C-alpha atoms as a PDB file:
ATOM      1  CA  MET A   1     141.285  75.293  38.543  1.00  0.00           C
ATOM      2  CA  ARG A   2     140.363  73.228  41.589  1.00  0.00           C
ATOM      3  CA  ILE A   3     136.676  72.636  42.242  1.00  0.00           C
ATOM      4  CA  GLY A   4     135.379  72.141  45.761  1.00  0.00           C
ATOM      5  CA  VAL A   5     132.141  72.182  47.688  1.00  0.00           C
ATOM      6  CA  MET A   6     130.911  73.825  50.880  1.00  0.00           C
ATOM      7  CA  ILE A   7     129.771  71.355  53.512  1.00  0.00           C
ATOM      8  CA  GLY A   8     127.523  72.483  56.358  1.00  0.00           C
ATOM      9  CA  PRO A   9     126.073  74.055  58.239  1.00  0.00           C
ATOM     10  CA  GLU A  10     122.904  72.004  58.096  1.00  0.00           C
ATOM     11  CA  LYS A  11     119.605  72.533  59.866  1.00  0.00           C
ATOM     12  CA  GLY A  12     118.411  69.965  62.373  1.00  0.00           C
ATOM     13  CA  ASP A  13     119.531  68.448  65.656  1.00  0.00           C
ATOM     14  CA  THR A  14     123.247  68.145  66.262  1.00  0.00           C
ATOM     15  CA  ALA A  15     123.629  64.367  65.956  1.00  0.00           C
ATOM     16  CA  ARG A  16     121.742  64.140  62.648  1.00  0.00           C
ATOM     17  CA  LYS A  17     123.457  67.258  61.349  1.00  0.00           C
ATOM     18  CA  LEU A  18     126.896  65.746  61.928  1.00  0.00           C
ATOM     19  CA  GLU A  19     125.951  62.518  60.181  1.00  0.00           C
ATOM     20  CA  ARG A  20     124.768  64.464  57.134  1.00  0.00           C
ATOM     21  CA  MET A  21     128.049  66.361  57.013  1.00  0.00           C
ATOM     22  CA  LEU A  22     129.971  63.098  57.179  1.00  0.00           C
ATOM     23  CA  ARG A  23     127.931  61.644  54.345  1.00  0.00           C
ATOM     24  CA  ASP A  24     128.608  64.807  52.352  1.00  0.00           C
ATOM     25  CA  ILE A  25     132.386  64.464  52.735  1.00  0.00           C
ATOM     26  CA  GLU A  26     132.180  60.824  51.699  1.00  0.00           C
ATOM     27  CA  TRP A  27     130.348  61.914  48.539  1.00  0.00           C
ATOM     28  CA  ALA A  28     132.792  64.760  47.818  1.00  0.00           C
ATOM     29  CA  GLU A  29     135.774  62.429  48.088  1.00  0.00           C
ATOM     30  CA  SER A  30     134.200  59.670  46.018  1.00  0.00           C
ATOM     31  CA  ALA A  31     133.120  62.216  43.384  1.00  0.00           C
ATOM     32  CA  GLY A  32     136.728  63.301  42.904  1.00  0.00           C
ATOM     33  CA  LEU A  33     136.334  66.889  44.106  1.00  0.00           C
ATOM     34  CA  ASP A  34     139.550  68.635  45.046  1.00  0.00           C
ATOM     35  CA  THR A  35     138.430  70.436  48.182  1.00  0.00           C
ATOM     36  CA  ALA A  36     135.730  70.750  50.807  1.00  0.00           C
ATOM     37  CA  TRP A  37     135.206  74.039  52.651  1.00  0.00           C
ATOM     38  CA  ILE A  38     133.516  74.137  56.049  1.00  0.00           C
ATOM     39  CA  PRO A  39     132.017  77.498  57.053  1.00  0.00           C
ATOM     40  CA  GLN A  40     132.385  78.834  60.575  1.00  0.00           C
ATOM     41  CA  ILE A  41     129.236  80.717  61.534  1.00  0.00           C
ATOM     42  CA  PRO A  42     128.142  81.897  64.984  1.00  0.00           C
ATOM     43  CA  THR A  43     125.271  79.438  65.446  1.00  0.00           C
ATOM     44  CA  ASP A  44     126.839  76.217  64.249  1.00  0.00           C
ATOM     45  CA  PHE A  45     129.625  73.664  64.617  1.00  0.00           C
ATOM     46  CA  ASP A  46     133.224  74.591  65.229  1.00  0.00           C
ATOM     47  CA  ALA A  47     134.718  74.184  61.758  1.00  0.00           C
ATOM     48  CA  LEU A  48     138.017  72.653  62.845  1.00  0.00           C
ATOM     49  CA  THR A  49     136.265  70.106  65.047  1.00  0.00           C
ATOM     50  CA  ALA A  50     133.990  69.196  62.144  1.00  0.00           C
ATOM     51  CA  ILE A  51     137.042  68.731  59.919  1.00  0.00           C
ATOM     52  CA  ALA A  52     138.613  66.418  62.478  1.00  0.00           C
ATOM     53  CA  ALA A  53     135.493  64.244  62.253  1.00  0.00           C
ATOM     54  CA  MET A  54     135.535  64.390  58.442  1.00  0.00           C
ATOM     55  CA  ALA A  55     139.142  63.265  58.352  1.00  0.00           C
ATOM     56  CA  ALA A  56     138.045  59.834  59.566  1.00  0.00           C
ATOM     57  CA  ARG A  57     135.639  59.509  56.609  1.00  0.00           C
ATOM     58  CA  SER A  58     138.095  60.624  53.901  1.00  0.00           C
ATOM     59  CA  SER A  59     141.690  60.077  52.876  1.00  0.00           C
ATOM     60  CA  ARG A  60     142.461  62.334  49.908  1.00  0.00           C
ATOM     61  CA  ILE A  61     140.382  65.505  49.706  1.00  0.00           C
ATOM     62  CA  GLU A  62     141.707  68.836  51.007  1.00  0.00           C
ATOM     63  CA  LEU A  63     139.702  70.125  53.981  1.00  0.00           C
ATOM     64  CA  GLY A  64     139.502  73.857  54.652  1.00  0.00           C
ATOM     65  CA  THR A  65     137.886  76.268  57.089  1.00  0.00           C
ATOM     66  CA  ALA A  66     136.020  79.186  55.553  1.00  0.00           C
ATOM     67  CA  VAL A  67     136.672  80.962  57.829  1.00  0.00           C
ATOM     68  CA  VAL A  68     137.691  80.942  61.514  1.00  0.00           C
ATOM     69  CA  PRO A  69     137.161  84.398  63.112  1.00  0.00           C
ATOM     70  CA  LEU A  70     140.458  85.609  64.553  1.00  0.00           C
ATOM     71  CA  GLN A  71     139.138  87.605  67.493  1.00  0.00           C
ATOM     72  CA  ALA A  72     137.536  84.606  69.191  1.00  0.00           C
ATOM     73  CA  GLN A  73     140.819  83.008  70.323  1.00  0.00           C
ATOM     74  CA  HIS A  74     144.485  83.714  70.867  1.00  0.00           C
ATOM     75  CA  PRO A  75     146.735  82.888  67.882  1.00  0.00           C
ATOM     76  CA  ILE A  76     148.695  80.356  69.934  1.00  0.00           C
ATOM     77  CA  ALA A  77     145.452  78.561  70.817  1.00  0.00           C
ATOM     78  CA  LEU A  78     144.349  78.559  67.180  1.00  0.00           C
ATOM     79  CA  ALA A  79     147.751  77.303  66.046  1.00  0.00           C
ATOM     80  CA  ARG A  80     147.623  74.460  68.570  1.00  0.00           C
ATOM     81  CA  GLN A  81     144.133  73.465  67.437  1.00  0.00           C
ATOM     82  CA  ALA A  82     145.022  73.724  63.742  1.00  0.00           C
ATOM     83  CA  LEU A  83     148.224  71.700  64.092  1.00  0.00           C
ATOM     84  CA  SER A  84     146.315  69.029  65.994  1.00  0.00           C
ATOM     85  CA  VAL A  85     143.727  68.824  63.223  1.00  0.00           C
ATOM     86  CA  GLN A  86     146.475  68.893  60.582  1.00  0.00           C
ATOM     87  CA  ALA A  87     147.869  65.724  62.162  1.00  0.00           C
ATOM     88  CA  MET A  88     144.403  64.112  62.202  1.00  0.00           C
ATOM     89  CA  THR A  89     143.890  64.844  58.510  1.00  0.00           C
ATOM     90  CA  GLY A  90     147.280  63.534  57.479  1.00  0.00           C
ATOM     91  CA  GLY A  91     148.331  66.964  56.227  1.00  0.00           C
ATOM     92  CA  ARG A  92     145.140  67.826  54.323  1.00  0.00           C
ATOM     93  CA  LEU A  93     144.062  70.914  56.289  1.00  0.00           C
ATOM     94  CA  THR A  94     143.970  74.437  54.893  1.00  0.00           C
ATOM     95  CA  LEU A  95     143.330  77.013  57.602  1.00  0.00           C
ATOM     96  CA  GLY A  96     141.087  79.810  56.399  1.00  0.00           C
ATOM     97  CA  VAL A  97     140.908  82.743  58.820  1.00  0.00           C
ATOM     98  CA  GLY A  98     139.566  86.266  58.829  1.00  0.00           C
ATOM     99  CA  PRO A  99     138.683  89.294  60.955  1.00  0.00           C
ATOM    100  CA  SER A 100     134.954  88.589  60.516  1.00  0.00           C
ATOM    101  CA  HIS A 101     132.417  91.450  60.707  1.00  0.00           C
ATOM    102  CA  HIS A 102     131.408  94.070  63.238  1.00  0.00           C
ATOM    103  CA  TRP A 103     128.000  92.466  63.767  1.00  0.00           C
ATOM    104  CA  ILE A 104     129.677  89.206  64.850  1.00  0.00           C
ATOM    105  CA  VAL A 105     132.718  90.458  66.726  1.00  0.00           C
ATOM    106  CA  GLY A 106     131.208  93.561  68.284  1.00  0.00           C
ATOM    107  CA  ASP A 107     127.483  92.869  68.571  1.00  0.00           C
ATOM    108  CA  MET A 108     127.563  89.117  69.265  1.00  0.00           C
ATOM    109  CA  LEU A 109     130.873  88.559  71.049  1.00  0.00           C
ATOM    110  CA  GLY A 110     131.216  91.969  72.653  1.00  0.00           C
ATOM    111  CA  LEU A 111     134.825  92.317  71.521  1.00  0.00           C
ATOM    112  CA  PRO A 112     136.573  95.315  69.969  1.00  0.00           C
ATOM    113  CA  TYR A 113     136.448  95.636  66.188  1.00  0.00           C
ATOM    114  CA  ASP A 114     138.946  98.446  65.828  1.00  0.00           C
ATOM    115  CA  LYS A 115     141.431  98.363  62.943  1.00  0.00           C
ATOM    116  CA  PRO A 116     140.652  94.794  61.816  1.00  0.00           C
ATOM    117  CA  ALA A 117     143.336  94.820  59.102  1.00  0.00           C
ATOM    118  CA  ALA A 118     146.075  95.867  61.520  1.00  0.00           C
ATOM    119  CA  TYR A 119     144.886  93.264  64.009  1.00  0.00           C
ATOM    120  CA  THR A 120     144.940  90.598  61.289  1.00  0.00           C
ATOM    121  CA  ARG A 121     148.513  91.526  60.345  1.00  0.00           C
ATOM    122  CA  ASP A 122     149.633  91.247  63.965  1.00  0.00           C
ATOM    123  CA  TYR A 123     147.705  88.010  64.470  1.00  0.00           C
ATOM    124  CA  LEU A 124     149.254  86.395  61.387  1.00  0.00           C
ATOM    125  CA  GLU A 125     152.743  87.262  62.616  1.00  0.00           C
ATOM    126  CA  VAL A 126     152.123  85.103  65.695  1.00  0.00           C
ATOM    127  CA  LEU A 127     150.113  82.413  63.909  1.00  0.00           C
ATOM    128  CA  ASN A 128     152.667  81.916  61.129  1.00  0.00           C
ATOM    129  CA  ALA A 129     155.473  81.561  63.634  1.00  0.00           C
ATOM    130  CA  ALA A 130     153.472  79.047  65.668  1.00  0.00           C
ATOM    131  CA  VAL A 131     152.401  76.810  62.760  1.00  0.00           C
ATOM    132  CA  SER A 132     155.990  76.705  61.489  1.00  0.00           C
ATOM    133  CA  GLY A 133     157.153  74.952  64.685  1.00  0.00           C
ATOM    134  CA  PRO A 134     158.489  73.318  66.639  1.00  0.00           C
ATOM    135  CA  GLY A 135     160.368  75.883  68.647  1.00  0.00           C
ATOM    136  CA  PRO A 136     159.765  79.032  70.640  1.00  0.00           C
ATOM    137  CA  VAL A 137     157.339  81.647  69.355  1.00  0.00           C
ATOM    138  CA  ARG A 138     158.651  85.079  70.276  1.00  0.00           C
ATOM    139  CA  VAL A 139     156.657  87.943  68.795  1.00  0.00           C
ATOM    140  CA  ARG A 140     156.169  91.529  69.940  1.00  0.00           C
ATOM    141  CA  ASN A 141     153.824  93.781  68.028  1.00  0.00           C
ATOM    142  CA  ASP A 142     151.043  96.263  68.728  1.00  0.00           C
ATOM    143  CA  SER A 143     148.509  93.509  69.572  1.00  0.00           C
ATOM    144  CA  PHE A 144     150.534  90.654  71.094  1.00  0.00           C
ATOM    145  CA  ALA A 145     153.497  90.023  73.373  1.00  0.00           C
ATOM    146  CA  VAL A 146     154.178  86.303  72.989  1.00  0.00           C
ATOM    147  CA  ASP A 147     156.984  84.124  74.330  1.00  0.00           C
ATOM    148  CA  ASN A 148     155.596  80.630  74.000  1.00  0.00           C
ATOM    149  CA  PRO A 149     157.310  77.267  73.459  1.00  0.00           C
ATOM    150  CA  THR A 150     155.758  74.664  71.164  1.00  0.00           C
ATOM    151  CA  ASP A 151     156.692  71.085  70.321  1.00  0.00           C
ATOM    152  CA  LEU A 152     154.099  70.724  67.571  1.00  0.00           C
ATOM    153  CA  THR A 153     155.146  70.551  63.958  1.00  0.00           C
ATOM    154  CA  PRO A 154     152.849  70.571  60.928  1.00  0.00           C
ATOM    155  CA  GLY A 155     154.630  67.609  59.305  1.00  0.00           C
ATOM    156  CA  THR A 156     153.691  69.061  55.942  1.00  0.00           C
ATOM    157  CA  PRO A 157     153.271  72.841  55.507  1.00  0.00           C
ATOM    158  CA  LEU A 158     149.945  74.157  56.799  1.00  0.00           C
ATOM    159  CA  PRO A 159     148.512  76.633  54.260  1.00  0.00           C
ATOM    160  CA  VAL A 160     146.865  79.722  55.729  1.00  0.00           C
ATOM    161  CA  LEU A 161     144.337  81.696  53.687  1.00  0.00           C
ATOM    162  CA  VAL A 162     142.790  85.004  54.726  1.00  0.00           C
ATOM    163  CA  ALA A 163     139.312  86.326  53.960  1.00  0.00           C
ATOM    164  CA  ALA A 164     140.394  89.577  52.310  1.00  0.00           C
ATOM    165  CA  LEU A 165     138.029  91.940  50.508  1.00  0.00           C
ATOM    166  CA  GLY A 166     139.450  95.463  50.635  1.00  0.00           C
ATOM    167  CA  PRO A 167     142.816  96.805  49.439  1.00  0.00           C
ATOM    168  CA  VAL A 168     144.505  96.809  52.851  1.00  0.00           C
ATOM    169  CA  MET A 169     143.370  93.294  53.729  1.00  0.00           C
ATOM    170  CA  LEU A 170     144.435  92.031  50.303  1.00  0.00           C
ATOM    171  CA  ARG A 171     147.883  93.469  50.920  1.00  0.00           C
ATOM    172  CA  VAL A 172     148.026  91.734  54.301  1.00  0.00           C
ATOM    173  CA  ALA A 173     146.908  88.438  52.757  1.00  0.00           C
ATOM    174  CA  GLY A 174     149.455  88.694  49.973  1.00  0.00           C
ATOM    175  CA  GLU A 175     152.312  89.548  52.327  1.00  0.00           C
ATOM    176  CA  ARG A 176     151.556  87.132  55.162  1.00  0.00           C
ATOM    177  CA  ALA A 177     149.366  84.290  53.872  1.00  0.00           C
ATOM    178  CA  ASP A 178     149.023  81.804  51.034  1.00  0.00           C
ATOM    179  CA  GLY A 179     145.978  83.409  49.453  1.00  0.00           C
ATOM    180  CA  THR A 180     142.420  84.506  50.082  1.00  0.00           C
ATOM    181  CA  ILE A 181     138.940  83.035  50.484  1.00  0.00           C
ATOM    182  CA  LEU A 182     136.127  85.091  48.977  1.00  0.00           C
ATOM    183  CA  TRP A 183     132.382  85.468  49.276  1.00  0.00           C
ATOM    184  CA  MET A 184     130.253  88.006  47.386  1.00  0.00           C
ATOM    185  CA  ALA A 185     132.932  88.509  44.709  1.00  0.00           C
ATOM    186  CA  ASP A 186     131.898  88.228  41.073  1.00  0.00           C
ATOM    187  CA  GLU A 187     134.220  87.732  38.102  1.00  0.00           C
ATOM    188  CA  ARG A 188     134.749  91.455  37.525  1.00  0.00           C
ATOM    189  CA  ALA A 189     135.682  92.082  41.156  1.00  0.00           C
ATOM    190  CA  ILE A 190     138.101  89.158  41.097  1.00  0.00           C
ATOM    191  CA  ALA A 191     139.766  90.107  37.813  1.00  0.00           C
ATOM    192  CA  GLY A 192     139.959  93.853  38.375  1.00  0.00           C
ATOM    193  CA  HIS A 193     140.393  94.139  42.135  1.00  0.00           C
ATOM    194  CA  ILE A 194     141.213  90.935  44.027  1.00  0.00           C
ATOM    195  CA  VAL A 195     143.788  89.229  41.808  1.00  0.00           C
ATOM    196  CA  PRO A 196     145.913  92.269  40.881  1.00  0.00           C
ATOM    197  CA  LYS A 197     146.196  93.541  44.448  1.00  0.00           C
ATOM    198  CA  ILE A 198     146.915  90.263  46.241  1.00  0.00           C
ATOM    199  CA  THR A 199     149.268  89.048  43.507  1.00  0.00           C
ATOM    200  CA  LYS A 200     151.323  92.263  43.627  1.00  0.00           C
ATOM    201  CA  ALA A 201     151.502  92.132  47.425  1.00  0.00           C
ATOM    202  CA  ALA A 202     152.708  88.527  47.324  1.00  0.00           C
ATOM    203  CA  ALA A 203     155.290  89.297  44.643  1.00  0.00           C
ATOM    204  CA  ASP A 204     156.564  92.348  46.531  1.00  0.00           C
ATOM    205  CA  ALA A 205     156.969  90.171  49.636  1.00  0.00           C
ATOM    206  CA  GLY A 206     158.807  87.455  47.695  1.00  0.00           C
ATOM    207  CA  ARG A 207     155.995  84.956  48.157  1.00  0.00           C
ATOM    208  CA  PRO A 208     154.551  82.533  45.578  1.00  0.00           C
ATOM    209  CA  ALA A 209     151.470  83.440  43.562  1.00  0.00           C
ATOM    210  CA  PRO A 210     148.502  83.320  45.970  1.00  0.00           C
ATOM    211  CA  ARG A 211     145.472  81.073  45.852  1.00  0.00           C
ATOM    212  CA  VAL A 212     142.172  82.815  45.201  1.00  0.00           C
ATOM    213  CA  VAL A 213     139.224  80.745  46.400  1.00  0.00           C
ATOM    214  CA  ALA A 214     135.869  82.058  45.168  1.00  0.00           C
ATOM    215  CA  GLY A 215     132.703  80.956  46.942  1.00  0.00           C
ATOM    216  CA  ILE A 216     129.655  80.855  44.671  1.00  0.00           C
ATOM    217  CA  PRO A 217     126.131  79.375  44.869  1.00  0.00           C
ATOM    218  CA  VAL A 218     125.246  77.002  42.017  1.00  0.00           C
ATOM    219  CA  CYS A 219     121.878  75.551  41.028  1.00  0.00           C
ATOM    220  CA  LEU A 220     121.119  73.135  38.193  1.00  0.00           C
ATOM    221  CA  CYS A 221     117.655  74.028  36.945  1.00  0.00           C
ATOM    222  CA  ALA A 222     115.494  74.614  33.897  1.00  0.00           C
ATOM    223  CA  ARG A 223     115.600  78.026  32.242  1.00  0.00           C
ATOM    224  CA  ALA A 224     112.103  78.729  33.578  1.00  0.00           C
ATOM    225  CA  ASP A 225     113.359  78.231  37.156  1.00  0.00           C
ATOM    226  CA  ILE A 226     116.414  80.503  37.029  1.00  0.00           C
ATOM    227  CA  ASP A 227     114.612  83.470  38.586  1.00  0.00           C
ATOM    228  CA  ALA A 228     113.277  81.223  41.359  1.00  0.00           C
ATOM    229  CA  ALA A 229     116.792  79.954  42.065  1.00  0.00           C
ATOM    230  CA  LYS A 230     118.191  83.477  42.296  1.00  0.00           C
ATOM    231  CA  GLU A 231     115.309  84.550  44.528  1.00  0.00           C
ATOM    232  CA  ARG A 232     116.007  81.588  46.820  1.00  0.00           C
ATOM    233  CA  ALA A 233     119.680  82.529  46.961  1.00  0.00           C
ATOM    234  CA  ASN A 234     118.700  86.015  48.083  1.00  0.00           C
ATOM    235  CA  ARG A 235     116.277  84.629  50.652  1.00  0.00           C
ATOM    236  CA  ILE A 236     118.568  82.119  52.360  1.00  0.00           C
ATOM    237  CA  LEU A 237     122.047  83.547  51.695  1.00  0.00           C
ATOM    238  CA  GLY A 238     121.479  87.295  51.574  1.00  0.00           C
ATOM    239  CA  GLU A 239     121.951  88.119  55.246  1.00  0.00           C
ATOM    240  CA  ALA A 240     125.670  88.804  54.829  1.00  0.00           C
ATOM    241  CA  GLU A 241     124.945  91.626  52.404  1.00  0.00           C
ATOM    242  CA  ILE A 242     124.306  93.944  55.358  1.00  0.00           C
ATOM    243  CA  SER A 243     128.056  93.985  56.000  1.00  0.00           C
ATOM    244  CA  PRO A 244     129.784  97.156  54.781  1.00  0.00           C
ATOM    245  CA  ASN A 245     132.725  94.945  53.779  1.00  0.00           C
ATOM    246  CA  TYR A 246     130.550  93.001  51.349  1.00  0.00           C
ATOM    247  CA  GLN A 247     128.790  96.115  50.131  1.00  0.00           C
ATOM    248  CA  ARG A 248     132.101  97.658  49.140  1.00  0.00           C
ATOM    249  CA  LEU A 249     133.129  94.450  47.405  1.00  0.00           C
ATOM    250  CA  LEU A 250     129.878  94.328  45.428  1.00  0.00           C
ATOM    251  CA  GLU A 251     130.638  97.840  44.198  1.00  0.00           C
ATOM    252  CA  ARG A 252     133.819  96.461  42.614  1.00  0.00           C
ATOM    253  CA  GLY A 253     131.806  94.145  40.368  1.00  0.00           C
ATOM    254  CA  GLU A 254     128.558  93.944  38.457  1.00  0.00           C
ATOM    255  CA  ALA A 255     126.503  91.842  40.905  1.00  0.00           C
ATOM    256  CA  ARG A 256     124.278  93.679  43.352  1.00  0.00           C
ATOM    257  CA  ASP A 257     123.257  90.765  45.560  1.00  0.00           C
ATOM    258  CA  ILE A 258     123.925  87.061  46.073  1.00  0.00           C
ATOM    259  CA  GLY A 259     121.169  86.205  43.611  1.00  0.00           C
ATOM    260  CA  ASP A 260     123.136  87.963  40.873  1.00  0.00           C
ATOM    261  CA  LEU A 261     126.171  85.882  41.832  1.00  0.00           C
ATOM    262  CA  CYS A 262     124.267  82.595  41.739  1.00  0.00           C
ATOM    263  CA  ILE A 263     125.123  80.452  38.696  1.00  0.00           C
ATOM    264  CA  ALA A 264     121.763  78.905  37.799  1.00  0.00           C
ATOM    265  CA  GLY A 265     120.662  77.040  34.696  1.00  0.00           C
ATOM    266  CA  ASP A 266     121.524  73.947  32.697  1.00  0.00           C
ATOM    267  CA  GLU A 267     124.877  72.169  32.621  1.00  0.00           C
ATOM    268  CA  GLU A 268     126.231  74.365  29.810  1.00  0.00           C
ATOM    269  CA  THR A 269     125.293  77.520  31.706  1.00  0.00           C
ATOM    270  CA  ILE A 270     127.016  76.286  34.846  1.00  0.00           C
ATOM    271  CA  ALA A 271     130.129  75.235  32.935  1.00  0.00           C
ATOM    272  CA  ALA A 272     130.340  78.658  31.287  1.00  0.00           C
ATOM    273  CA  GLY A 273     129.940  80.372  34.646  1.00  0.00           C
ATOM    274  CA  LEU A 274     132.714  78.353  36.256  1.00  0.00           C
ATOM    275  CA  ARG A 275     135.019  79.037  33.327  1.00  0.00           C
ATOM    276  CA  ARG A 276     134.451  82.774  33.715  1.00  0.00           C
ATOM    277  CA  TYR A 277     135.782  82.566  37.269  1.00  0.00           C
ATOM    278  CA  ALA A 278     138.841  80.677  36.067  1.00  0.00           C
ATOM    279  CA  GLU A 279     139.446  83.314  33.380  1.00  0.00           C
ATOM    280  CA  ALA A 280     139.116  86.036  36.025  1.00  0.00           C
ATOM    281  CA  GLY A 281     141.981  84.491  37.983  1.00  0.00           C
ATOM    282  CA  ALA A 282     140.283  82.299  40.598  1.00  0.00           C
ATOM    283  CA  THR A 283     142.472  79.297  41.348  1.00  0.00           C
ATOM    284  CA  ASP A 284     139.738  77.501  43.287  1.00  0.00           C
ATOM    285  CA  LEU A 285     135.951  77.464  43.393  1.00  0.00           C
ATOM    286  CA  SER A 286     134.012  76.634  46.529  1.00  0.00           C
ATOM    287  CA  VAL A 287     130.545  75.687  45.323  1.00  0.00           C
ATOM    288  CA  ARG A 288     127.590  76.304  47.588  1.00  0.00           C
ATOM    289  CA  LEU A 289     124.994  73.818  46.318  1.00  0.00           C
ATOM    290  CA  LEU A 290     121.637  75.590  46.070  1.00  0.00           C
ATOM    291  CA  PRO A 291     118.796  73.114  45.535  1.00  0.00           C
ATOM    292  CA  ILE A 292     115.300  74.316  44.642  1.00  0.00           C
ATOM    293  CA  GLY A 293     111.884  72.725  44.964  1.00  0.00           C
ATOM    294  CA  ASP A 294     108.543  72.857  46.753  1.00  0.00           C
ATOM    295  CA  THR A 295     109.006  69.729  48.884  1.00  0.00           C
ATOM    296  CA  VAL A 296     111.790  68.035  50.807  1.00  0.00           C
ATOM    297  CA  ALA A 297     111.903  65.333  48.148  1.00  0.00           C
ATOM    298  CA  ASP A 298     112.248  67.990  45.440  1.00  0.00           C
ATOM    299  CA  LEU A 299     115.102  69.668  47.294  1.00  0.00           C
ATOM    300  CA  ILE A 300     116.930  66.375  47.779  1.00  0.00           C
ATOM    301  CA  ALA A 301     116.556  65.476  44.113  1.00  0.00           C
ATOM    302  CA  SER A 302     117.731  68.941  43.043  1.00  0.00           C
ATOM    303  CA  LYS A 303     120.801  68.689  45.272  1.00  0.00           C
ATOM    304  CA  GLN A 304     121.722  65.301  43.837  1.00  0.00           C
ATOM    305  CA  LEU A 305     121.419  66.492  40.240  1.00  0.00           C
ATOM    306  CA  THR A 306     123.526  69.586  40.924  1.00  0.00           C
ATOM    307  CA  ARG A 307     126.117  67.409  42.645  1.00  0.00           C
ATOM    308  CA  THR A 308     126.429  65.204  39.582  1.00  0.00           C
ATOM    309  CA  VAL A 309     127.026  68.173  37.299  1.00  0.00           C
ATOM    310  CA  ILE A 310     129.623  69.685  39.639  1.00  0.00           C
ATOM    311  CA  ALA A 311     131.507  66.384  39.844  1.00  0.00           C
ATOM    312  CA  ASP A 312     131.534  66.077  36.043  1.00  0.00           C
ATOM    313  CA  LEU A 313     132.739  69.658  35.614  1.00  0.00           C
ATOM    314  CA  ALA A 314     135.441  69.236  38.261  1.00  0.00           C
ATOM    315  CA  ARG A 315     137.033  66.542  36.137  1.00  0.00           C
ATOM    316  CA  GLU A 316     136.650  68.628  32.977  1.00  0.00           C
ATOM    317  CA  LEU A 317     138.032  71.882  34.346  1.00  0.00           C
ATOM    318  CA  ARG A 318     140.901  70.498  36.407  1.00  0.00           C
END
């Protein structure tokens, strides 16, 4: 199982925020982590642009978006941007995409959010053709009519992962992508729902076994602080739970909120939690470091200690 870390978004002014993200990728590479996942949220950096900057501060680690909303740009434009960044990273990019949520696409961007799974299927048909270049991209489907030349080539294959939570999206991801990126999925949901459905879809389509990247918050803390860590997870990470997509996914497992999903405790507790995800069928973990403390100094110290444990476990579990 590959162990990675989420980097960004960070609070603060843009220049200082970028420098912190660059320091974080330097740490992740030096610590021997396999992957770094950069979220794409409405109020923060463009994830692919951030990865282009991180490529200059790293040479080995895989860099992935988690995830780029599809509705915000044409698939040819996204393919061009992704192939450009793939070249900048020396072939280390993994493009995570997804149909996002109604409160982002509809309420914030003012775009239609009708039939997101069907739109994703159509989008991937164009995107896959474009990132396989060079050559003409000629696709006609219900959403796109494309006849576009391209001279860009990925050099090495550009993996595409899809944020897929429900049965239809998991089928789309299995048939047309290299795997899925998850949030709000516990071990039971992964083992009983995610892995069987996406694996069958990939097999039926003649594709290799898919990657399953599980995003989870992790906090190294004393037993007495576990409840505080879970409460903090709910306070700062719980906004996404309003999405019907996440609510339905939670119903597939035992967790009821992001605090339940948070792996908090000593090193043995964290190791056991990570192993449960591996046993459930996750091929990758994207760790969201969750420091706790009453002061900035406490939070920094907590983050550093959790980092050390994650780096140690990455070597052990690989």
